[in-house]
Protein backbone atom coordinates (compact mmCIF):
# COMPACT_ATOMS: atom_id res chain seq x y z
CA MET A 1 75.61 86.09 104.84
CA ARG A 2 75.17 89.31 106.69
CA GLU A 3 78.84 89.71 106.58
CA LEU A 4 78.75 89.36 103.11
CA TYR A 5 75.99 91.97 102.87
CA SER A 6 77.62 94.34 105.08
CA VAL A 7 80.72 94.17 103.02
CA MET A 8 79.29 94.46 99.66
CA GLU A 9 77.05 97.53 101.07
CA ARG A 10 80.29 99.08 102.31
CA ALA A 11 82.03 98.35 98.70
CA CYS A 12 79.19 100.04 96.84
CA ILE A 13 79.00 102.89 98.81
CA ASP A 14 82.40 103.14 98.65
CA ALA A 15 82.95 103.07 94.81
CA ARG A 16 83.03 106.07 93.16
CA ASP A 17 82.45 104.80 89.53
CA GLU A 18 80.14 102.33 88.35
CA TYR A 19 82.22 99.25 89.17
CA ILE A 20 83.61 98.00 92.63
CA LYS A 21 86.99 97.69 92.73
CA PRO A 22 89.53 95.32 94.68
CA GLU A 23 90.22 98.64 96.70
CA ASN A 24 86.81 99.15 97.58
CA LEU A 25 86.34 95.62 99.22
CA LEU A 26 90.11 95.46 100.75
CA ARG A 27 89.16 98.27 102.50
CA PHE A 28 87.26 96.24 104.66
CA ASN A 29 89.21 93.10 105.02
CA ASP A 30 89.86 90.22 107.02
CA ARG A 31 93.60 88.95 106.09
CA ASN A 32 92.12 85.10 105.93
CA VAL A 33 90.08 86.01 102.63
CA PHE A 34 91.41 87.91 100.58
CA SER A 35 94.76 86.62 98.88
CA THR A 36 98.02 88.55 98.87
CA ASP A 37 98.51 89.49 95.01
CA ASN A 38 95.39 92.14 95.77
CA LYS A 39 92.86 89.61 93.49
CA VAL A 40 89.30 88.98 95.04
CA ASN A 41 87.73 86.10 94.90
CA LEU A 42 83.68 85.90 95.70
CA ASN A 43 83.35 82.45 96.67
CA GLU A 44 86.03 82.46 99.45
CA ILE A 45 84.38 86.05 100.63
CA ARG A 46 80.59 83.79 100.38
CA ASP A 47 82.05 80.99 102.14
CA LYS A 48 83.94 82.26 105.02
CA ALA A 49 80.66 84.67 105.69
CA GLU A 50 78.37 81.43 105.31
CA ARG A 51 80.62 79.40 107.23
CA ASN A 52 80.43 81.98 109.63
CA ALA A 53 76.64 82.67 110.02
CA ILE A 54 76.52 78.27 110.18
CA MET A 55 78.77 78.48 113.56
CA ASN A 56 77.35 81.63 115.03
CA VAL A 57 73.63 80.20 114.85
CA LEU A 58 74.73 77.07 116.33
CA LYS A 59 76.00 78.56 119.13
CA LYS A 60 73.22 80.53 119.64
CA THR A 61 71.27 77.19 119.08
CA ASN A 62 73.27 75.38 121.20
CA GLY A 63 73.96 73.14 118.46
CA ASN A 64 70.67 72.20 117.77
CA LYS A 65 70.35 71.66 113.80
CA SER A 66 66.67 71.92 113.18
CA GLU A 67 66.61 75.20 114.79
CA ALA A 68 70.16 76.82 113.36
CA ALA A 69 68.37 75.37 109.79
CA LYS A 70 64.71 77.54 110.78
CA ILE A 71 67.13 80.39 111.44
CA LEU A 72 69.01 80.09 108.52
CA GLY A 73 66.31 79.93 106.10
CA ILE A 74 67.49 76.63 104.51
CA SER A 75 66.39 72.76 105.26
CA ARG A 76 68.41 71.06 107.87
CA SER A 77 69.37 68.59 104.77
CA THR A 78 71.30 71.93 103.22
CA LEU A 79 72.33 72.63 106.55
CA TYR A 80 73.96 69.05 106.98
CA VAL A 81 75.61 69.63 103.24
CA LYS A 82 77.08 72.70 104.61
CA LEU A 83 78.32 71.31 107.88
CA LYS A 84 80.32 68.87 105.85
CA GLN A 85 81.76 71.44 102.92
CA PHE A 86 83.20 73.62 105.70
CA ASN A 87 83.94 70.98 108.18
CA LEU A 88 81.92 71.79 110.83
CA ALA A 89 80.62 68.27 110.75
């Protein structure tokens, strides 16, 4: 989530008018997140940020799912759902 927040914060700062445009987001792109046709899918961005956050926290907790859920601010059952969703289980 921090990654998504950072990208959105930088895009807001970079935006010259009242709307965030794809080029504001693409400036900070990760080629695995953004499609090649310059369309930005916020669901893909969110999913990638969530997946990365979960992987990082699990790494820091040596795979302790209870501790990871506490750090992430979600229930353990929600963590299990997300692990399955992102094929991390």
